[in-house]
């Protein structure tokens, strides 16, 4: 990822208040249940489904071992410096989702190599194992040719508590033809697709369970 001219949203600037650092409770008691309990094997073999042009879901794509590896990694990535936090949008609103960044740090609406909205520490590196997992996800979704040119260098790892959500948005901070890879762990959630500029629908809602893969764009 390289710095790019700001998008129209980037003209809003950044919140001077910054984000709010958070942490997992001792023993990670606040983590979703799937982070603490045994993860059951999927009920069926992974199933590929093309939801929309350029959007593919593979149910049960992550093995139990892969889910445990990601859950253990998250517990380390969440620690400061440059750890878990509630991002804040330029208007001052604090987002309900908590996130930690790898490779590049994201805050609304800019990328940098340091956690500028919290402690200013260098962002944690993107693990090679996560890069390999993302490339395998693209290969299984769109074919080996697409994966050959796919070189991810950033990840945003989100933690959703029961009351947290992420509203409809368009990731337009930097132009890229690379697809977005989404891996789900823990409780079942709903991912909503909407057309550009069509915030009132029609929508395509996708149920994502622990271990599911969603790849779109590119």
Foldseek 3Di string as FASTA:
>chain_A
DDADPFDPQCVLPFAPQFWFQDAQDVVNPVAFPLLPDQDDFDPDDWDWDDQDVFKIKTAQQAGSVNLNVVSVVLNVQQDDDQHKTFAAENVGDTAQKIKGKAQWDAGRHDIHQFRVRPDRHGHHHDDPVVQVVVLVLCCVHPNNVLSVPDGDRMDIDIGHDPPGDDADDDNDGDDDQRKDKDADAHAKDKDKDAPVVCSVDDIDIDIGGHNMIMIGGD
